[in-house]
Amino acid sequence: MKLKELKQIYESAGKREGWDFSKINFTREAVPWKYSDIVQNYLRPTSYVLDIGSGGGERFIEFSSFFKKGVGIDFDSDMIEKAKENIPTYLEDKISFLLMYAEKLEFLKNTFDIVLNRHSPLYPKEIIKVLKPAGFFITEQVGPKNTENICNIFGCGVGGEYEIDPEQNIDKIINFFKNNGCKIIDYKEYNVKYWFSDIESLIFWLKGIPIPEDFHIEKYWKDVNLIINNYTTSEGIETNEHRILAIIKKI
């Protein structure tokens, strides 16, 4: 495709709101778990819950009927403003959102029954600090092989970054939990085929993450063409989805 055509798609894709990727049309192979189902199995009517990296709060708000009270945090002020806007009036006394860095949680020790983290950086020392004894930490992480063919073309990591933080190595993080008073209840991963159903969905995703971190169609239109030309199949534009799930209990 010519730059002009791709630029039109790029501009019409609009801006991601919060951490909402519902505009993407896709199909994928069957997966062995659904994050929301896993989380709901651990939430209780008495639970006080922390959600790290809430984004626009869309997913955390969906969990609200399963816990007593919850706090969502994010380091992005725009995300927090969007999350606050998304809280229904009837939940204003039950859920709150705070601007806060995950690497320095501003809560007292042993505050939360459940700590959640989906697709956000992990700082295990802080998580252990705020989690109550016998409390659970549940995380789903984007695996290092996610959308591998696309990331290889751009030469970036799964979050679009060019430099990978060695402290975010998942094996190193799991070992930290093991060595600091925690038990690994479950740890598993899947890696399945995933297809963007159309070019518009691919570009919205590239723009929304962004992949790579400095993505703009005028700079990377030839790479986008390479993805389209090399990986378009009868199912759509093929890549893969790699996810890791960990459930950890503080002893």
C-alpha atoms as a PDB file:
ATOM      1  CA  MET A   1       0.000   0.000   0.000  1.00  0.00           C
ATOM      2  CA  LYS A   2       1.103   3.566  -0.627  1.00  0.00           C
ATOM      3  CA  LEU A   3       1.940   5.943   2.212  1.00  0.00           C
ATOM      4  CA  LYS A   4      -1.120   8.054   1.386  1.00  0.00           C
ATOM      5  CA  GLU A   5      -3.454   5.080   1.851  1.00  0.00           C
ATOM      6  CA  LEU A   6      -1.818   3.975   5.097  1.00  0.00           C
ATOM      7  CA  LYS A   7      -1.816   7.529   6.404  1.00  0.00           C
ATOM      8  CA  GLN A   8      -5.572   7.770   5.816  1.00  0.00           C
ATOM      9  CA  ILE A   9      -6.095   4.576   7.835  1.00  0.00           C
ATOM     10  CA  TYR A  10      -3.741   5.849  10.548  1.00  0.00           C
ATOM     11  CA  GLU A  11      -5.650   9.122  10.897  1.00  0.00           C
ATOM     12  CA  SER A  12      -9.093   7.507  10.775  1.00  0.00           C
ATOM     13  CA  ALA A  13      -8.121   4.968  13.453  1.00  0.00           C
ATOM     14  CA  GLY A  14      -8.523   7.670  16.086  1.00  0.00           C
ATOM     15  CA  LYS A  15      -6.912   7.811  19.520  1.00  0.00           C
ATOM     16  CA  ARG A  16      -7.075   5.018  22.064  1.00  0.00           C
ATOM     17  CA  GLU A  17      -9.168   5.979  25.091  1.00  0.00           C
ATOM     18  CA  GLY A  18      -7.894   4.684  28.395  1.00  0.00           C
ATOM     19  CA  TRP A  19      -6.553   1.188  27.789  1.00  0.00           C
ATOM     20  CA  ASP A  20      -9.469   0.221  25.554  1.00  0.00           C
ATOM     21  CA  PHE A  21      -8.591  -1.880  22.505  1.00  0.00           C
ATOM     22  CA  SER A  22     -12.144  -2.981  21.737  1.00  0.00           C
ATOM     23  CA  LYS A  23     -11.917  -1.380  18.287  1.00  0.00           C
ATOM     24  CA  ILE A  24      -9.586  -4.170  17.188  1.00  0.00           C
ATOM     25  CA  ASN A  25     -11.178  -6.944  15.146  1.00  0.00           C
ATOM     26  CA  PHE A  26      -9.315 -10.223  15.633  1.00  0.00           C
ATOM     27  CA  THR A  27      -9.513 -13.981  15.855  1.00  0.00           C
ATOM     28  CA  ARG A  28      -7.192 -16.371  17.663  1.00  0.00           C
ATOM     29  CA  GLU A  29      -6.755 -19.988  18.528  1.00  0.00           C
ATOM     30  CA  ALA A  30      -8.446 -21.254  21.675  1.00  0.00           C
ATOM     31  CA  VAL A  31      -6.715 -20.227  24.913  1.00  0.00           C
ATOM     32  CA  PRO A  32      -6.598 -22.245  28.162  1.00  0.00           C
ATOM     33  CA  TRP A  33      -7.744 -19.476  30.497  1.00  0.00           C
ATOM     34  CA  LYS A  34      -9.476 -16.126  30.664  1.00  0.00           C
ATOM     35  CA  TYR A  35      -7.961 -13.576  33.041  1.00  0.00           C
ATOM     36  CA  SER A  36     -11.317 -12.280  34.250  1.00  0.00           C
ATOM     37  CA  ASP A  37     -12.487 -15.793  35.156  1.00  0.00           C
ATOM     38  CA  ILE A  38      -9.298 -16.498  37.115  1.00  0.00           C
ATOM     39  CA  VAL A  39      -9.585 -13.250  39.078  1.00  0.00           C
ATOM     40  CA  GLN A  40     -13.266 -13.705  39.876  1.00  0.00           C
ATOM     41  CA  ASN A  41     -12.517 -17.120  41.375  1.00  0.00           C
ATOM     42  CA  TYR A  42     -10.296 -15.453  44.003  1.00  0.00           C
ATOM     43  CA  LEU A  43     -12.338 -12.357  44.815  1.00  0.00           C
ATOM     44  CA  ARG A  44     -14.613 -12.438  47.852  1.00  0.00           C
ATOM     45  CA  PRO A  45     -17.360 -10.083  49.119  1.00  0.00           C
ATOM     46  CA  THR A  46     -14.957  -9.123  51.937  1.00  0.00           C
ATOM     47  CA  SER A  47     -11.920  -8.478  49.700  1.00  0.00           C
ATOM     48  CA  TYR A  48     -10.001  -5.201  49.683  1.00  0.00           C
ATOM     49  CA  VAL A  49      -8.300  -5.138  46.271  1.00  0.00           C
ATOM     50  CA  LEU A  50      -5.448  -3.229  44.649  1.00  0.00           C
ATOM     51  CA  ASP A  51      -5.222  -3.111  40.848  1.00  0.00           C
ATOM     52  CA  ILE A  52      -1.776  -2.071  39.579  1.00  0.00           C
ATOM     53  CA  GLY A  53      -1.680  -0.483  36.131  1.00  0.00           C
ATOM     54  CA  SER A  54      -5.440   0.082  35.853  1.00  0.00           C
ATOM     55  CA  GLY A  55      -5.255   2.216  32.708  1.00  0.00           C
ATOM     56  CA  GLY A  56      -8.731   3.568  32.088  1.00  0.00           C
ATOM     57  CA  GLY A  57     -10.144   1.287  34.772  1.00  0.00           C
ATOM     58  CA  GLU A  58     -12.441  -0.554  32.374  1.00  0.00           C
ATOM     59  CA  ARG A  59     -11.534  -4.064  33.490  1.00  0.00           C
ATOM     60  CA  PHE A  60     -11.246  -3.283  37.210  1.00  0.00           C
ATOM     61  CA  ILE A  61     -14.696  -1.702  37.239  1.00  0.00           C
ATOM     62  CA  GLU A  62     -16.076  -4.920  35.744  1.00  0.00           C
ATOM     63  CA  PHE A  63     -14.810  -6.807  38.825  1.00  0.00           C
ATOM     64  CA  SER A  64     -16.561  -4.454  41.262  1.00  0.00           C
ATOM     65  CA  SER A  65     -19.497  -6.736  42.046  1.00  0.00           C
ATOM     66  CA  PHE A  66     -17.100  -9.416  43.333  1.00  0.00           C
ATOM     67  CA  PHE A  67     -15.235  -7.456  46.044  1.00  0.00           C
ATOM     68  CA  LYS A  68     -15.928  -5.125  48.970  1.00  0.00           C
ATOM     69  CA  LYS A  69     -13.679  -2.214  48.050  1.00  0.00           C
ATOM     70  CA  GLY A  70     -10.936  -1.524  45.514  1.00  0.00           C
ATOM     71  CA  VAL A  71      -8.220   0.928  44.534  1.00  0.00           C
ATOM     72  CA  GLY A  72      -6.698   1.171  41.073  1.00  0.00           C
ATOM     73  CA  ILE A  73      -3.403   2.930  40.380  1.00  0.00           C
ATOM     74  CA  ASP A  74      -1.538   4.070  37.293  1.00  0.00           C
ATOM     75  CA  PHE A  75       1.472   6.320  36.672  1.00  0.00           C
ATOM     76  CA  ASP A  76      -0.236   8.055  33.725  1.00  0.00           C
ATOM     77  CA  SER A  77      -2.330  11.056  34.808  1.00  0.00           C
ATOM     78  CA  ASP A  78      -4.442  10.915  31.630  1.00  0.00           C
ATOM     79  CA  MET A  79      -5.274   7.283  32.371  1.00  0.00           C
ATOM     80  CA  ILE A  80      -6.305   8.123  35.930  1.00  0.00           C
ATOM     81  CA  GLU A  81      -8.548  10.956  34.756  1.00  0.00           C
ATOM     82  CA  LYS A  82     -10.185   8.600  32.268  1.00  0.00           C
ATOM     83  CA  ALA A  83     -10.601   5.933  34.939  1.00  0.00           C
ATOM     84  CA  LYS A  84     -12.298   8.410  37.276  1.00  0.00           C
ATOM     85  CA  GLU A  85     -14.652   9.418  34.457  1.00  0.00           C
ATOM     86  CA  ASN A  86     -15.497   5.754  33.885  1.00  0.00           C
ATOM     87  CA  ILE A  87     -16.645   5.100  37.484  1.00  0.00           C
ATOM     88  CA  PRO A  88     -20.453   4.830  37.564  1.00  0.00           C
ATOM     89  CA  THR A  89     -22.058   7.029  40.207  1.00  0.00           C
ATOM     90  CA  TYR A  90     -23.273   4.019  42.193  1.00  0.00           C
ATOM     91  CA  LEU A  91     -19.664   2.773  42.573  1.00  0.00           C
ATOM     92  CA  GLU A  92     -18.051   6.016  43.732  1.00  0.00           C
ATOM     93  CA  ASP A  93     -17.899   4.810  47.360  1.00  0.00           C
ATOM     94  CA  LYS A  94     -16.544   1.401  46.342  1.00  0.00           C
ATOM     95  CA  ILE A  95     -13.793   2.122  43.790  1.00  0.00           C
ATOM     96  CA  SER A  96     -11.173   4.853  43.608  1.00  0.00           C
ATOM     97  CA  PHE A  97      -8.259   5.542  41.273  1.00  0.00           C
ATOM     98  CA  LEU A  98      -4.963   7.141  42.310  1.00  0.00           C
ATOM     99  CA  LEU A  99      -1.951   8.477  40.454  1.00  0.00           C
ATOM    100  CA  MET A 100       0.895   6.326  41.779  1.00  0.00           C
ATOM    101  CA  TYR A 101       4.026   4.503  40.685  1.00  0.00           C
ATOM    102  CA  ALA A 102       4.027   0.724  41.043  1.00  0.00           C
ATOM    103  CA  GLU A 103       7.661   0.784  42.138  1.00  0.00           C
ATOM    104  CA  LYS A 104       6.691   2.828  45.213  1.00  0.00           C
ATOM    105  CA  LEU A 105       3.287   1.850  46.538  1.00  0.00           C
ATOM    106  CA  GLU A 106       2.057   4.458  48.999  1.00  0.00           C
ATOM    107  CA  PHE A 107       0.033   2.117  51.198  1.00  0.00           C
ATOM    108  CA  LEU A 108       0.636   0.650  54.633  1.00  0.00           C
ATOM    109  CA  LYS A 109       2.019  -2.848  55.024  1.00  0.00           C
ATOM    110  CA  ASN A 110      -0.475  -5.709  54.916  1.00  0.00           C
ATOM    111  CA  THR A 111      -3.271  -3.592  53.456  1.00  0.00           C
ATOM    112  CA  PHE A 112      -4.798  -5.676  50.649  1.00  0.00           C
ATOM    113  CA  ASP A 113      -6.388  -9.119  50.445  1.00  0.00           C
ATOM    114  CA  ILE A 114      -5.815  -9.299  46.693  1.00  0.00           C
ATOM    115  CA  VAL A 115      -3.353  -7.490  44.415  1.00  0.00           C
ATOM    116  CA  LEU A 116      -3.907  -7.601  40.658  1.00  0.00           C
ATOM    117  CA  ASN A 117      -1.611  -6.721  37.789  1.00  0.00           C
ATOM    118  CA  ARG A 118      -2.446  -7.266  34.136  1.00  0.00           C
ATOM    119  CA  HIS A 119       0.159  -6.370  31.510  1.00  0.00           C
ATOM    120  CA  SER A 120       1.932  -3.876  33.763  1.00  0.00           C
ATOM    121  CA  PRO A 121       5.524  -3.873  35.137  1.00  0.00           C
ATOM    122  CA  LEU A 122       6.101  -5.971  38.244  1.00  0.00           C
ATOM    123  CA  TYR A 123       7.821  -4.814  41.432  1.00  0.00           C
ATOM    124  CA  PRO A 124       7.576  -7.827  43.745  1.00  0.00           C
ATOM    125  CA  LYS A 125       9.046  -6.201  46.858  1.00  0.00           C
ATOM    126  CA  GLU A 126       6.295  -3.562  46.839  1.00  0.00           C
ATOM    127  CA  ILE A 127       3.590  -6.127  46.148  1.00  0.00           C
ATOM    128  CA  ILE A 128       4.684  -8.301  49.071  1.00  0.00           C
ATOM    129  CA  LYS A 129       4.777  -5.230  51.322  1.00  0.00           C
ATOM    130  CA  VAL A 130       1.133  -4.235  50.781  1.00  0.00           C
ATOM    131  CA  LEU A 131      -0.321  -7.749  50.561  1.00  0.00           C
ATOM    132  CA  LYS A 132      -1.834  -9.229  53.713  1.00  0.00           C
ATOM    133  CA  PRO A 133      -0.571 -12.594  55.013  1.00  0.00           C
ATOM    134  CA  ALA A 134      -2.541 -15.336  53.203  1.00  0.00           C
ATOM    135  CA  GLY A 135      -3.404 -12.771  50.523  1.00  0.00           C
ATOM    136  CA  PHE A 136      -3.102 -13.476  46.801  1.00  0.00           C
ATOM    137  CA  PHE A 137      -1.283 -11.745  43.975  1.00  0.00           C
ATOM    138  CA  ILE A 138      -2.626 -12.500  40.485  1.00  0.00           C
ATOM    139  CA  THR A 139      -0.907 -11.348  37.338  1.00  0.00           C
ATOM    140  CA  GLU A 140      -1.192 -11.945  33.631  1.00  0.00           C
ATOM    141  CA  GLN A 141       1.854 -10.729  31.724  1.00  0.00           C
ATOM    142  CA  VAL A 142       2.540 -10.281  28.031  1.00  0.00           C
ATOM    143  CA  GLY A 143       5.114 -12.966  27.283  1.00  0.00           C
ATOM    144  CA  PRO A 144       8.497 -12.186  25.687  1.00  0.00           C
ATOM    145  CA  LYS A 145       7.503 -13.959  22.461  1.00  0.00           C
ATOM    146  CA  ASN A 146       4.294 -11.970  21.952  1.00  0.00           C
ATOM    147  CA  THR A 147       3.694 -10.748  18.358  1.00  0.00           C
ATOM    148  CA  GLU A 148       7.209 -11.994  17.678  1.00  0.00           C
ATOM    149  CA  ASN A 149       7.167 -11.593  13.898  1.00  0.00           C
ATOM    150  CA  ILE A 150       6.000  -7.973  14.135  1.00  0.00           C
ATOM    151  CA  CYS A 151       8.418  -6.998  16.904  1.00  0.00           C
ATOM    152  CA  ASN A 152      11.282  -8.544  14.933  1.00  0.00           C
ATOM    153  CA  ILE A 153      10.523  -6.309  11.970  1.00  0.00           C
ATOM    154  CA  PHE A 154      10.645  -3.184  14.141  1.00  0.00           C
ATOM    155  CA  GLY A 155      13.522  -4.434  16.297  1.00  0.00           C
ATOM    156  CA  CYS A 156      11.668  -3.685  19.532  1.00  0.00           C
ATOM    157  CA  GLY A 157      10.349  -5.484  22.592  1.00  0.00           C
ATOM    158  CA  VAL A 158       6.765  -6.580  23.172  1.00  0.00           C
ATOM    159  CA  GLY A 159       5.841  -3.205  24.668  1.00  0.00           C
ATOM    160  CA  GLY A 160       7.464  -1.288  21.838  1.00  0.00           C
ATOM    161  CA  GLU A 161      10.554  -0.503  23.886  1.00  0.00           C
ATOM    162  CA  TYR A 162      14.023  -0.624  22.347  1.00  0.00           C
ATOM    163  CA  GLU A 163      15.764  -1.324  25.669  1.00  0.00           C
ATOM    164  CA  ILE A 164      14.458  -4.192  27.806  1.00  0.00           C
ATOM    165  CA  ASP A 165      14.550  -3.713  31.588  1.00  0.00           C
ATOM    166  CA  PRO A 166      16.442  -6.740  32.983  1.00  0.00           C
ATOM    167  CA  GLU A 167      14.598  -6.331  36.296  1.00  0.00           C
ATOM    168  CA  GLN A 168      11.365  -7.266  34.503  1.00  0.00           C
ATOM    169  CA  ASN A 169      12.588 -10.767  33.689  1.00  0.00           C
ATOM    170  CA  ILE A 170       9.673 -12.963  34.743  1.00  0.00           C
ATOM    171  CA  ASP A 171      11.834 -15.850  36.013  1.00  0.00           C
ATOM    172  CA  LYS A 172      13.809 -13.462  38.207  1.00  0.00           C
ATOM    173  CA  ILE A 173      10.592 -11.984  39.582  1.00  0.00           C
ATOM    174  CA  ILE A 174       9.065 -15.389  40.365  1.00  0.00           C
ATOM    175  CA  ASN A 175      12.228 -16.390  42.212  1.00  0.00           C
ATOM    176  CA  PHE A 176      12.038 -13.207  44.280  1.00  0.00           C
ATOM    177  CA  PHE A 177       8.536 -14.148  45.425  1.00  0.00           C
ATOM    178  CA  LYS A 178       9.685 -17.688  46.247  1.00  0.00           C
ATOM    179  CA  ASN A 179      12.610 -16.414  48.300  1.00  0.00           C
ATOM    180  CA  ASN A 180      10.616 -13.805  50.205  1.00  0.00           C
ATOM    181  CA  GLY A 181       7.836 -15.597  52.006  1.00  0.00           C
ATOM    182  CA  CYS A 182       5.518 -16.456  49.144  1.00  0.00           C
ATOM    183  CA  LYS A 183       4.210 -19.645  47.549  1.00  0.00           C
ATOM    184  CA  ILE A 184       3.601 -20.060  43.813  1.00  0.00           C
ATOM    185  CA  ILE A 185       0.055 -21.414  43.551  1.00  0.00           C
ATOM    186  CA  ASP A 186      -0.005 -21.516  39.741  1.00  0.00           C
ATOM    187  CA  TYR A 187       2.323 -20.565  36.917  1.00  0.00           C
ATOM    188  CA  LYS A 188       1.590 -21.262  33.261  1.00  0.00           C
ATOM    189  CA  GLU A 189       1.733 -19.798  29.804  1.00  0.00           C
ATOM    190  CA  TYR A 190       0.208 -20.097  26.356  1.00  0.00           C
ATOM    191  CA  ASN A 191       1.395 -19.097  22.906  1.00  0.00           C
ATOM    192  CA  VAL A 192      -1.282 -19.232  20.211  1.00  0.00           C
ATOM    193  CA  LYS A 193      -1.809 -17.924  16.698  1.00  0.00           C
ATOM    194  CA  TYR A 194      -3.583 -14.562  16.481  1.00  0.00           C
ATOM    195  CA  TRP A 195      -4.937 -12.728  13.446  1.00  0.00           C
ATOM    196  CA  PHE A 196      -5.765  -9.049  12.961  1.00  0.00           C
ATOM    197  CA  SER A 197      -8.896  -9.230  10.838  1.00  0.00           C
ATOM    198  CA  ASP A 198      -8.095  -6.077   8.865  1.00  0.00           C
ATOM    199  CA  ILE A 199      -5.405  -3.465   8.282  1.00  0.00           C
ATOM    200  CA  GLU A 200      -7.333  -0.893  10.325  1.00  0.00           C
ATOM    201  CA  SER A 201      -7.108  -3.122  13.407  1.00  0.00           C
ATOM    202  CA  LEU A 202      -3.384  -3.692  12.920  1.00  0.00           C
ATOM    203  CA  ILE A 203      -2.670   0.030  12.651  1.00  0.00           C
ATOM    204  CA  PHE A 204      -4.905   0.916  15.619  1.00  0.00           C
ATOM    205  CA  TRP A 205      -2.930  -1.602  17.697  1.00  0.00           C
ATOM    206  CA  LEU A 206       0.466  -0.343  16.486  1.00  0.00           C
ATOM    207  CA  LYS A 207      -0.603   3.225  17.225  1.00  0.00           C
ATOM    208  CA  GLY A 208      -2.238   2.419  20.567  1.00  0.00           C
ATOM    209  CA  ILE A 209       0.582   0.502  22.290  1.00  0.00           C
ATOM    210  CA  PRO A 210       2.642   1.945  20.460  1.00  0.00           C
ATOM    211  CA  ILE A 211       4.749  -0.621  18.597  1.00  0.00           C
ATOM    212  CA  PRO A 212       7.502   0.497  18.339  1.00  0.00           C
ATOM    213  CA  GLU A 213       7.631   3.174  21.045  1.00  0.00           C
ATOM    214  CA  ASP A 214       8.182   5.960  18.487  1.00  0.00           C
ATOM    215  CA  PHE A 215       5.627   4.638  16.000  1.00  0.00           C
ATOM    216  CA  HIS A 216       4.287   6.995  13.379  1.00  0.00           C
ATOM    217  CA  ILE A 217       3.012   5.868  10.023  1.00  0.00           C
ATOM    218  CA  GLU A 218       5.162   8.332   8.061  1.00  0.00           C
ATOM    219  CA  LYS A 219       8.285   6.880   9.666  1.00  0.00           C
ATOM    220  CA  TYR A 220       7.346   3.199   9.571  1.00  0.00           C
ATOM    221  CA  TRP A 221       4.996   2.803   6.608  1.00  0.00           C
ATOM    222  CA  LYS A 222       7.414   0.533   4.751  1.00  0.00           C
ATOM    223  CA  ASP A 223       7.642  -1.773   7.775  1.00  0.00           C
ATOM    224  CA  VAL A 224       3.834  -1.844   8.023  1.00  0.00           C
ATOM    225  CA  ASN A 225       3.704  -2.814   4.358  1.00  0.00           C
ATOM    226  CA  LEU A 226       6.205  -5.579   5.039  1.00  0.00           C
ATOM    227  CA  ILE A 227       3.979  -6.962   7.794  1.00  0.00           C
ATOM    228  CA  ILE A 228       0.902  -6.828   5.565  1.00  0.00           C
ATOM    229  CA  ASN A 229       2.650  -8.410   2.576  1.00  0.00           C
ATOM    230  CA  ASN A 230       4.467 -11.135   4.519  1.00  0.00           C
ATOM    231  CA  TYR A 231       1.809 -12.205   7.005  1.00  0.00           C
ATOM    232  CA  THR A 232      -1.610 -11.751   5.395  1.00  0.00           C
ATOM    233  CA  THR A 233      -3.478 -15.068   5.262  1.00  0.00           C
ATOM    234  CA  SER A 234      -7.063 -16.125   4.613  1.00  0.00           C
ATOM    235  CA  GLU A 235      -7.674 -15.620   8.364  1.00  0.00           C
ATOM    236  CA  GLY A 236      -6.177 -12.115   8.491  1.00  0.00           C
ATOM    237  CA  ILE A 237      -2.768 -10.666   9.330  1.00  0.00           C
ATOM    238  CA  GLU A 238      -1.093 -13.432  11.317  1.00  0.00           C
ATOM    239  CA  THR A 239       1.006 -13.065  14.451  1.00  0.00           C
ATOM    240  CA  ASN A 240       0.939 -14.745  17.877  1.00  0.00           C
ATOM    241  CA  GLU A 241      -0.304 -14.079  21.392  1.00  0.00           C
ATOM    242  CA  HIS A 242       1.992 -15.112  24.260  1.00  0.00           C
ATOM    243  CA  ARG A 243       0.697 -14.798  27.823  1.00  0.00           C
ATOM    244  CA  ILE A 244       2.003 -15.821  31.252  1.00  0.00           C
ATOM    245  CA  LEU A 245      -0.187 -16.276  34.309  1.00  0.00           C
ATOM    246  CA  ALA A 246       1.052 -16.393  37.898  1.00  0.00           C
ATOM    247  CA  ILE A 247      -0.930 -16.777  41.106  1.00  0.00           C
ATOM    248  CA  ILE A 248       1.099 -16.190  44.266  1.00  0.00           C
ATOM    249  CA  LYS A 249       0.143 -16.475  47.930  1.00  0.00           C
ATOM    250  CA  LYS A 250       1.868 -14.578  50.720  1.00  0.00           C
ATOM    251  CA  ILE A 251       2.552 -16.989  53.548  1.00  0.00           C
END
